[in-house]
Structures are given as C-alpha cells and as structure tokens.
C-alpha cells in the first residue's frame, strides 16, 4: 500500500481543512455537524446520496492520520460512522439506509453499542437482554447492557437481544435499533473509572420500544459478528498516531528526570519505538488487501499490551513524581491527573475492552491455527 500523488493532494486538503476549522472543535456535537457539513463523515461508504464524500482506502488512512495529528477532540460520532453504517450497508434494508445513514453523515445523530452485559462480556453469545415482538411489528426491549461507550450522549443504540424465548447461545438473537430518548424506559448510569472519568455507562432497558430489526429476526448473531469485522481497520492507524505522541511525551519525561541516562531505560524506549513501527507496517499490510483471518485479533494483541507497557514505563521514568497529582488536592478537584498518569491508569483496560486478550488468542487458535474449539457449554451427562 503506497501513497500516490492524488493521496498527497488529499492530505493537503484534509490538513488545510482541519487547520482552518480547529477552532470550531470545542463542543463535540457541534463539531460533528461541522465535519458532516463538508462531507468528512463516511469517507469509506459507497456512493449512495447519503451526504458523504467518497475516498479510496488510502485516502481514508490519510484522513485518519491527519485528524489524529491535528489535535482536535476525539469523535463522538465514530460508533455510528464506523460500526453502524457499514453494518446497515451490508445487512440493512433500503429504507433503513435512507433513514439512518444521512443523519450520521450530517453529524446529527449519535450512536452507542448495546452488546456487553454483566454476564455476557467476552462471551457475547450469553446475552440475556430480551425483546418481545408486539402485534404491530415493533419490539419491547428489557435488560441491562454495560461498558456502553458514549451512551450518555447517544440518540440511538444498536442492541443485541434475545427475541426467541428459551433460545440459547447464538440462536434466537436479533439486532435491534433502539431510541435512547425514552424517559422511564431507558436509564443511563455512568461508570466512574480509575481515571476519575466516565466514558463508559450502564444502560437499563425497561420495556423500551424498538421499531427496526437489521437482517431479520433471529439473524442477530450473523449481523453482530459482521459488525465486529468492521470495528478494526483504518482507525488502527490513527490510533498509532496518538501512540507516537504519547511515546514522545514519555521520552521527554525520561530526559527531564535523568532516567534516559540509564541504558536499560534507553533500550526499553527504543523497543517501544521499534514495536510501534512494526505495528504500523502490519496495519498497512493488512489494509492493503490481505484477507488473513485473525489479522484484527493479532493487531489487538499487539497494541493492547504495547500500550500498557508504555503506561508502565511512563510512571517508571518519572520516579516518585509519578505519584503526585498536577494540582493541590481540593474537594472540587479530588482526582486531577496529568496526561501520563491518565495514560497509565486508562491503559490497564487495554487488554480487556474491545475483546479481551483471551478471546483474541482463542480466535487465532481456532480460526488461524485450526486447533480444536474450546467447549462452550457443559455436556449433558450420559445415562
């Protein structure tokens, strides 16, 4: 995969647009609408009159890299753009595409993902949230989801729910689209993390109404797995731009504390740099046409543990100063963290969210290496 002349021109356009509009990136919802107004949402979608501009895969990489370098806020609309939209394009009806894709492209409707539950995280097939079909064809959804990113901002949630009573595992599941603005029927509770922030939430559905099912009733597992295939891709390269910035910050901290004079620390910093380069080349290779099964799992294993090691190194090079907050403690700011402290604490979850390391290794073992599948359910005793 190479960057050509047209890609360089696209990079200049993207960089210039971001520089000109960076001042508009304060309020996150307004920023989504600004991006949508000039067609920067949905670059990877096919042409279909949804309000997005189209771009080649290489140009999508260029946009993701320039966005990360511009220092503008993280996206609020990426779940709708990168997960829901490709899923609707692959599995949705024409009416569903026409209803939901244009508002996503305009930055007007935000989405969250209703997959994980307290008893069904890595084992997604164990979901217990249920949905009952009513005579008018709509559904009532009852159950609990957890670790739901941006649920406190979202207008809609795509929910994996059990629509066939008594069904088990992958059977009897459906992929439903649920409005979040249903007072008394949808409750969002933020989850306070080690960092003191609350990006994740618990969501409780109490007879919430859903009017759309994607892929047909009972076909939710196929749709849900299709969506997970879209979850990793171009965004991995943008993520690595952020990783490179964090690595530079750790190097500066090591130089400031004198830890960089230690040859062992220098070797560890160089190793982090080298591994990051390898991750980039691997991501470009797999985006460039490789159809290797398990490639997303390999990438997740690589960056999750790499990022954790970087957080650990960030604390070690600062010594005792790493345990001191950036401002005096007060009741109003009891949990102030500087960027490297936030890196260390947040990265503890890197090997869990987005598919735990155990799950990724199982995928590689079964789908790539062809090893025997792990038993998913206890066997019935023989009589």
Foldseek 3Di string as FASTA:
>chain_A
DDQDPVLVVLLVVLLVVCVVCLVVQDDQLSVLLVCLVVQNFQQPDDDDPLSHHHDDQSSLLSNLQSVLVSPGDDHQACCCRQFVQVLCVVWNDPVVCNPRRNCSSSSNFHEKEFFADPVPALNRQADAWAWEADPVRKIFIFDKGWQIFPLVPGQKYWHWHAHDPPDGGLWRIWTFIFGQPDPPAKDWAFDQFPLRDGRIIMIGGDRGITRDTTNDGGCHSVSVVVSLVSPDASNLSSVLSVVVVLLVVLVVLLVVLVVCVDVVLVVVSVVLVVLSVVLNVLRCVCNVDDPAFLSVLVSLVSVLVSLLVSLVSSQVSNPPCQVDAPDDADPVCNRHHDPSNSSNRVSVCSCPPSRHNVSSVLRCVCVPVVDDHDDDDDDDDDD
